Amino acid sequence: MDQEIQKKLAEQEIKLDTIYRSVEKTRKYFLVIIWVTILGLVLPLIALAFVIPSFLSNYTNALNGF
């Protein structure tokens, strides 16, 4: 009986290690996806904050020139 319990515990430990590795990989993938999403949304918004005023300035200057 004791050997059976030890065997089952060893098998569960192996399975838990496998699950842990899988969960860590998934967590890393999600972290990468979150960073890519943030960079893909925030950086263009910051760039627009600088580009739009310059564009509007050039546009109004062109309209005033006529």
PDB file of N, CA and C in Angstrom:
ATOM      1  N   MET A   1       0.823  -1.184   0.000  1.00  0.00           N
ATOM      2  CA  MET A   1       0.000   0.000   0.000  1.00  0.00           C
ATOM      3  C   MET A   1       0.871   1.252   0.000  1.00  0.00           C
ATOM      4  N   ASP A   2       1.911   1.230   0.793  1.00  0.00           N
ATOM      5  CA  ASP A   2       2.781   2.400   0.889  1.00  0.00           C
ATOM      6  C   ASP A   2       3.501   2.664  -0.430  1.00  0.00           C
ATOM      7  N   GLN A   3       3.905   1.611  -1.126  1.00  0.00           N
ATOM      8  CA  GLN A   3       4.586   1.777  -2.403  1.00  0.00           C
ATOM      9  C   GLN A   3       3.631   2.332  -3.460  1.00  0.00           C
ATOM     10  N   GLU A   4       2.389   1.921  -3.407  1.00  0.00           N
ATOM     11  CA  GLU A   4       1.404   2.431  -4.367  1.00  0.00           C
ATOM     12  C   GLU A   4       1.188   3.929  -4.170  1.00  0.00           C
ATOM     13  N   ILE A   5       1.111   4.342  -2.936  1.00  0.00           N
ATOM     14  CA  ILE A   5       0.919   5.767  -2.646  1.00  0.00           C
ATOM     15  C   ILE A   5       2.144   6.553  -3.100  1.00  0.00           C
ATOM     16  N   GLN A   6       3.316   6.039  -2.836  1.00  0.00           N
ATOM     17  CA  GLN A   6       4.548   6.709  -3.259  1.00  0.00           C
ATOM     18  C   GLN A   6       4.617   6.805  -4.781  1.00  0.00           C
ATOM     19  N   LYS A   7       4.215   5.767  -5.471  1.00  0.00           N
ATOM     20  CA  LYS A   7       4.221   5.761  -6.929  1.00  0.00           C
ATOM     21  C   LYS A   7       3.239   6.802  -7.468  1.00  0.00           C
ATOM     22  N   LYS A   8       2.035   6.843  -6.888  1.00  0.00           N
ATOM     23  CA  LYS A   8       1.039   7.818  -7.324  1.00  0.00           C
ATOM     24  C   LYS A   8       1.508   9.244  -7.046  1.00  0.00           C
ATOM     25  N   LEU A   9       2.132   9.462  -5.909  1.00  0.00           N
ATOM     26  CA  LEU A   9       2.655  10.790  -5.592  1.00  0.00           C
ATOM     27  C   LEU A   9       3.754  11.204  -6.567  1.00  0.00           C
ATOM     28  N   ALA A  10       4.598  10.272  -6.932  1.00  0.00           N
ATOM     29  CA  ALA A  10       5.659  10.571  -7.894  1.00  0.00           C
ATOM     30  C   ALA A  10       5.058  10.905  -9.265  1.00  0.00           C
ATOM     31  N   GLU A  11       4.040  10.165  -9.674  1.00  0.00           N
ATOM     32  CA  GLU A  11       3.384  10.446 -10.947  1.00  0.00           C
ATOM     33  C   GLU A  11       2.702  11.816 -10.913  1.00  0.00           C
ATOM     34  N   GLN A  12       2.062  12.144  -9.799  1.00  0.00           N
ATOM     35  CA  GLN A  12       1.413  13.442  -9.674  1.00  0.00           C
ATOM     36  C   GLN A  12       2.440  14.572  -9.701  1.00  0.00           C
ATOM     37  N   GLU A  13       3.579  14.347  -9.094  1.00  0.00           N
ATOM     38  CA  GLU A  13       4.624  15.369  -9.105  1.00  0.00           C
ATOM     39  C   GLU A  13       5.121  15.627 -10.523  1.00  0.00           C
ATOM     40  N   ILE A  14       5.284  14.579 -11.298  1.00  0.00           N
ATOM     41  CA  ILE A  14       5.705  14.727 -12.696  1.00  0.00           C
ATOM     42  C   ILE A  14       4.648  15.490 -13.485  1.00  0.00           C
ATOM     43  N   LYS A  15       3.382  15.139 -13.277  1.00  0.00           N
ATOM     44  CA  LYS A  15       2.305  15.829 -13.983  1.00  0.00           C
ATOM     45  C   LYS A  15       2.214  17.294 -13.565  1.00  0.00           C
ATOM     46  N   LEU A  16       2.387  17.570 -12.285  1.00  0.00           N
ATOM     47  CA  LEU A  16       2.350  18.946 -11.812  1.00  0.00           C
ATOM     48  C   LEU A  16       3.498  19.772 -12.408  1.00  0.00           C
ATOM     49  N   ASP A  17       4.666  19.174 -12.520  1.00  0.00           N
ATOM     50  CA  ASP A  17       5.793  19.881 -13.140  1.00  0.00           C
ATOM     51  C   ASP A  17       5.496  20.206 -14.603  1.00  0.00           C
ATOM     52  N   THR A  18       4.889  19.269 -15.297  1.00  0.00           N
ATOM     53  CA  THR A  18       4.524  19.491 -16.692  1.00  0.00           C
ATOM     54  C   THR A  18       3.484  20.604 -16.814  1.00  0.00           C
ATOM     55  N   ILE A  19       2.502  20.589 -15.940  1.00  0.00           N
ATOM     56  CA  ILE A  19       1.470  21.628 -15.948  1.00  0.00           C
ATOM     57  C   ILE A  19       2.090  22.978 -15.628  1.00  0.00           C
ATOM     58  N   TYR A  20       2.987  23.017 -14.661  1.00  0.00           N
ATOM     59  CA  TYR A  20       3.635  24.272 -14.283  1.00  0.00           C
ATOM     60  C   TYR A  20       4.413  24.871 -15.459  1.00  0.00           C
ATOM     61  N   ARG A  21       5.160  24.031 -16.170  1.00  0.00           N
ATOM     62  CA  ARG A  21       5.907  24.520 -17.341  1.00  0.00           C
ATOM     63  C   ARG A  21       4.960  25.064 -18.403  1.00  0.00           C
ATOM     64  N   SER A  22       3.868  24.371 -18.619  1.00  0.00           N
ATOM     65  CA  SER A  22       2.893  24.813 -19.618  1.00  0.00           C
ATOM     66  C   SER A  22       2.260  26.145 -19.213  1.00  0.00           C
ATOM     67  N   VAL A  23       1.931  26.286 -17.956  1.00  0.00           N
ATOM     68  CA  VAL A  23       1.325  27.526 -17.469  1.00  0.00           C
ATOM     69  C   VAL A  23       2.319  28.679 -17.577  1.00  0.00           C
ATOM     70  N   GLU A  24       3.565  28.446 -17.280  1.00  0.00           N
ATOM     71  CA  GLU A  24       4.575  29.498 -17.384  1.00  0.00           C
ATOM     72  C   GLU A  24       4.764  29.943 -18.840  1.00  0.00           C
ATOM     73  N   LYS A  25       4.745  29.012 -19.767  1.00  0.00           N
ATOM     74  CA  LYS A  25       4.842  29.373 -21.185  1.00  0.00           C
ATOM     75  C   LYS A  25       3.649  30.222 -21.596  1.00  0.00           C
ATOM     76  N   THR A  26       2.459  29.811 -21.166  1.00  0.00           N
ATOM     77  CA  THR A  26       1.254  30.562 -21.496  1.00  0.00           C
ATOM     78  C   THR A  26       1.312  31.962 -20.904  1.00  0.00           C
ATOM     79  N   ARG A  27       1.780  32.068 -19.671  1.00  0.00           N
ATOM     80  CA  ARG A  27       1.897  33.372 -19.017  1.00  0.00           C
ATOM     81  C   ARG A  27       2.855  34.280 -19.779  1.00  0.00           C
ATOM     82  N   LYS A  28       3.961  33.727 -20.248  1.00  0.00           N
ATOM     83  CA  LYS A  28       4.925  34.515 -21.017  1.00  0.00           C
ATOM     84  C   LYS A  28       4.334  34.962 -22.348  1.00  0.00           C
ATOM     85  N   TYR A  29       3.580  34.088 -23.006  1.00  0.00           N
ATOM     86  CA  TYR A  29       2.932  34.466 -24.259  1.00  0.00           C
ATOM     87  C   TYR A  29       1.945  35.606 -24.043  1.00  0.00           C
ATOM     88  N   PHE A  30       1.142  35.513 -22.994  1.00  0.00           N
ATOM     89  CA  PHE A  30       0.195  36.574 -22.695  1.00  0.00           C
ATOM     90  C   PHE A  30       0.911  37.882 -22.387  1.00  0.00           C
ATOM     91  N   LEU A  31       2.004  37.807 -21.674  1.00  0.00           N
ATOM     92  CA  LEU A  31       2.768  39.007 -21.349  1.00  0.00           C
ATOM     93  C   LEU A  31       3.306  39.669 -22.620  1.00  0.00           C
ATOM     94  N   VAL A  32       3.803  38.868 -23.540  1.00  0.00           N
ATOM     95  CA  VAL A  32       4.293  39.408 -24.805  1.00  0.00           C
ATOM     96  C   VAL A  32       3.149  40.038 -25.594  1.00  0.00           C
ATOM     97  N   ILE A  33       2.003  39.381 -25.617  1.00  0.00           N
ATOM     98  CA  ILE A  33       0.848  39.914 -26.342  1.00  0.00           C
ATOM     99  C   ILE A  33       0.405  41.244 -25.731  1.00  0.00           C
ATOM    100  N   ILE A  34       0.415  41.327 -24.404  1.00  0.00           N
ATOM    101  CA  ILE A  34       0.024  42.572 -23.743  1.00  0.00           C
ATOM    102  C   ILE A  34       0.988  43.690 -24.110  1.00  0.00           C
ATOM    103  N   TRP A  35       2.291  43.425 -24.078  1.00  0.00           N
ATOM    104  CA  TRP A  35       3.270  44.469 -24.416  1.00  0.00           C
ATOM    105  C   TRP A  35       3.156  44.898 -25.872  1.00  0.00           C
ATOM    106  N   VAL A  36       2.950  43.951 -26.763  1.00  0.00           N
ATOM    107  CA  VAL A  36       2.810  44.298 -28.183  1.00  0.00           C
ATOM    108  C   VAL A  36       1.556  45.142 -28.396  1.00  0.00           C
ATOM    109  N   THR A  37       0.479  44.791 -27.718  1.00  0.00           N
ATOM    110  CA  THR A  37      -0.758  45.561 -27.838  1.00  0.00           C
ATOM    111  C   THR A  37      -0.575  46.973 -27.299  1.00  0.00           C
ATOM    112  N   ILE A  38       0.060  47.094 -26.153  1.00  0.00           N
ATOM    113  CA  ILE A  38       0.291  48.418 -25.575  1.00  0.00           C
ATOM    114  C   ILE A  38       1.159  49.255 -26.502  1.00  0.00           C
ATOM    115  N   LEU A  39       2.236  48.670 -26.990  1.00  0.00           N
ATOM    116  CA  LEU A  39       3.112  49.415 -27.888  1.00  0.00           C
ATOM    117  C   LEU A  39       2.416  49.746 -29.195  1.00  0.00           C
ATOM    118  N   GLY A  40       1.575  48.847 -29.667  1.00  0.00           N
ATOM    119  CA  GLY A  40       0.867  49.082 -30.923  1.00  0.00           C
ATOM    120  C   GLY A  40      -0.214  50.146 -30.812  1.00  0.00           C
ATOM    121  N   LEU A  41      -0.723  50.380 -29.623  1.00  0.00           N
ATOM    122  CA  LEU A  41      -1.753  51.393 -29.447  1.00  0.00           C
ATOM    123  C   LEU A  41      -1.216  52.704 -28.880  1.00  0.00           C
ATOM    124  N   VAL A  42      -0.350  52.617 -27.904  1.00  0.00           N
ATOM    125  CA  VAL A  42       0.114  53.816 -27.206  1.00  0.00           C
ATOM    126  C   VAL A  42       1.117  54.606 -28.046  1.00  0.00           C
ATOM    127  N   LEU A  43       2.062  53.945 -28.661  1.00  0.00           N
ATOM    128  CA  LEU A  43       3.062  54.667 -29.452  1.00  0.00           C
ATOM    129  C   LEU A  43       2.443  55.450 -30.614  1.00  0.00           C
ATOM    130  N   PRO A  44       1.504  54.878 -31.368  1.00  0.00           N
ATOM    131  CA  PRO A  44       0.866  55.693 -32.408  1.00  0.00           C
ATOM    132  C   PRO A  44       0.085  56.881 -31.837  1.00  0.00           C
ATOM    133  N   LEU A  45      -0.547  56.705 -30.684  1.00  0.00           N
ATOM    134  CA  LEU A  45      -1.273  57.825 -30.073  1.00  0.00           C
ATOM    135  C   LEU A  45      -0.319  58.942 -29.661  1.00  0.00           C
ATOM    136  N   ILE A  46       0.832  58.575 -29.126  1.00  0.00           N
ATOM    137  CA  ILE A  46       1.835  59.587 -28.767  1.00  0.00           C
ATOM    138  C   ILE A  46       2.345  60.279 -30.022  1.00  0.00           C
ATOM    139  N   ALA A  47       2.578  59.512 -31.071  1.00  0.00           N
ATOM    140  CA  ALA A  47       3.049  60.103 -32.327  1.00  0.00           C
ATOM    141  C   ALA A  47       1.992  61.053 -32.895  1.00  0.00           C
ATOM    142  N   LEU A  48       0.729  60.683 -32.806  1.00  0.00           N
ATOM    143  CA  LEU A  48      -0.335  61.555 -33.300  1.00  0.00           C
ATOM    144  C   LEU A  48      -0.406  62.863 -32.516  1.00  0.00           C
ATOM    145  N   ALA A  49      -0.069  62.820 -31.245  1.00  0.00           N
ATOM    146  CA  ALA A  49      -0.087  64.038 -30.440  1.00  0.00           C
ATOM    147  C   ALA A  49       0.923  65.059 -30.971  1.00  0.00           C
ATOM    148  N   PHE A  50       1.978  64.589 -31.619  1.00  0.00           N
ATOM    149  CA  PHE A  50       2.970  65.500 -32.188  1.00  0.00           C
ATOM    150  C   PHE A  50       2.698  65.812 -33.659  1.00  0.00           C
ATOM    151  N   VAL A  51       2.117  64.878 -34.379  1.00  0.00           N
ATOM    152  CA  VAL A  51       1.912  65.048 -35.810  1.00  0.00           C
ATOM    153  C   VAL A  51       0.691  65.920 -36.113  1.00  0.00           C
ATOM    154  N   ILE A  52      -0.389  65.733 -35.391  1.00  0.00           N
ATOM    155  CA  ILE A  52      -1.618  66.475 -35.687  1.00  0.00           C
ATOM    156  C   ILE A  52      -1.435  67.988 -35.550  1.00  0.00           C
ATOM    157  N   PRO A  53      -0.819  68.502 -34.489  1.00  0.00           N
ATOM    158  CA  PRO A  53      -0.633  69.955 -34.438  1.00  0.00           C
ATOM    159  C   PRO A  53       0.226  70.490 -35.586  1.00  0.00           C
ATOM    160  N   SER A  54       1.246  69.769 -35.955  1.00  0.00           N
ATOM    161  CA  SER A  54       2.086  70.188 -37.070  1.00  0.00           C
ATOM    162  C   SER A  54       1.284  70.187 -38.369  1.00  0.00           C
ATOM    163  N   PHE A  55       0.493  69.149 -38.577  1.00  0.00           N
ATOM    164  CA  PHE A  55      -0.346  69.072 -39.771  1.00  0.00           C
ATOM    165  C   PHE A  55      -1.356  70.215 -39.814  1.00  0.00           C
ATOM    166  N   LEU A  56      -2.012  70.478 -38.695  1.00  0.00           N
ATOM    167  CA  LEU A  56      -2.993  71.555 -38.654  1.00  0.00           C
ATOM    168  C   LEU A  56      -2.342  72.909 -38.901  1.00  0.00           C
ATOM    169  N   SER A  57      -1.154  73.102 -38.372  1.00  0.00           N
ATOM    170  CA  SER A  57      -0.437  74.351 -38.590  1.00  0.00           C
ATOM    171  C   SER A  57      -0.119  74.532 -40.074  1.00  0.00           C
ATOM    172  N   ASN A  58       0.396  73.512 -40.699  1.00  0.00           N
ATOM    173  CA  ASN A  58       0.708  73.584 -42.128  1.00  0.00           C
ATOM    174  C   ASN A  58      -0.559  73.776 -42.960  1.00  0.00           C
ATOM    175  N   TYR A  59      -1.629  73.111 -42.576  1.00  0.00           N
ATOM    176  CA  TYR A  59      -2.895  73.207 -43.313  1.00  0.00           C
ATOM    177  C   TYR A  59      -3.482  74.611 -43.221  1.00  0.00           C
ATOM    178  N   THR A  60      -3.496  75.171 -42.020  1.00  0.00           N
ATOM    179  CA  THR A  60      -4.046  76.527 -41.885  1.00  0.00           C
ATOM    180  C   THR A  60      -3.159  77.562 -42.560  1.00  0.00           C
ATOM    181  N   ASN A  61      -1.849  77.363 -42.526  1.00  0.00           N
ATOM    182  CA  ASN A  61      -0.945  78.264 -43.239  1.00  0.00           C
ATOM    183  C   ASN A  61      -1.191  78.198 -44.745  1.00  0.00           C
ATOM    184  N   ALA A  62      -1.467  77.030 -45.265  1.00  0.00           N
ATOM    185  CA  ALA A  62      -1.738  76.880 -46.692  1.00  0.00           C
ATOM    186  C   ALA A  62      -3.056  77.546 -47.054  1.00  0.00           C
ATOM    187  N   LEU A  63      -4.041  77.456 -46.198  1.00  0.00           N
ATOM    188  CA  LEU A  63      -5.321  78.088 -46.472  1.00  0.00           C
ATOM    189  C   LEU A  63      -5.221  79.615 -46.377  1.00  0.00           C
ATOM    190  N   ASN A  64      -4.418  80.109 -45.474  1.00  0.00           N
ATOM    191  CA  ASN A  64      -4.254  81.559 -45.329  1.00  0.00           C
ATOM    192  C   ASN A  64      -3.443  82.151 -46.462  1.00  0.00           C
ATOM    193  N   GLY A  65      -2.666  81.339 -47.137  1.00  0.00           N
ATOM    194  CA  GLY A  65      -1.841  81.810 -48.227  1.00  0.00           C
ATOM    195  C   GLY A  65      -2.622  82.158 -49.474  1.00  0.00           C
ATOM    196  N   PHE A  66      -3.828  81.606 -49.616  1.00  0.00           N
ATOM    197  CA  PHE A  66      -4.603  81.856 -50.831  1.00  0.00           C
ATOM    198  C   PHE A  66      -5.368  83.116 -50.741  1.00  0.00           C
TER     199      PHE A  66
END
